[in-house]
Amino acid sequence: MRNPSAAHQGQLEYLEVKWGDYNDLAPIAAMPGLHTLKFHAMPAVTSVDPLASHPSLHTLQLHGLRDARDMTALGTLPALRDLSLGGDFNSIRIAHIDSLDFLAGLPELERLSLDGLIVDSKDYTPMMGLPNLTEAWAMECRGMRPPIRELAAQVRGWNDF
């Protein structure tokens, strides 16, 4: 984030960024009290690794993803209950992430939305191993495993938008 003053807001519990000119989430690491973090446009961000330092984060929205494909760091957020990952809602640009393997580290996850996003590994089975999931959605893509209908039947709380 280019605004260094944001890095000195350690008392923040909720932060929502609609848009901005930033490429680094490192200042977020200096905000240990965050429990809700929402980014609506993050096309220049290349890594979500700084988010790994937030064990109390329970709601996370990362939209407008473009260059950040490795979501491994998100698997270290034990309190995460609500996760939404997606592309740019203001265009037809679809986001891509490497895999959903990080979901194995999120057993408390209750809500998961993968809107405007494709998993490059095509393996969506990690969604099926979330015991507390009550609401889920993913965009259908060619070659996904399992196929969308099977995934919807296996994942409790599947939403057909």
Foldseek 3Di string as FASTA:
>chain_A
DPPLVLLVPQVDQEDAAADDDDADPQSVLSNQNHQEYYYQAHDNHQEPQSVLNHLNHAYYHAEQYARHAEPLSVLNRANHAYYEYFHHPVDLQAAEHAADVSLVSHLNHAEYEYYSYDHVVLEPCSLLPRPNHAAYEHDADPPHPPGPVVVQVRHHRYDDD
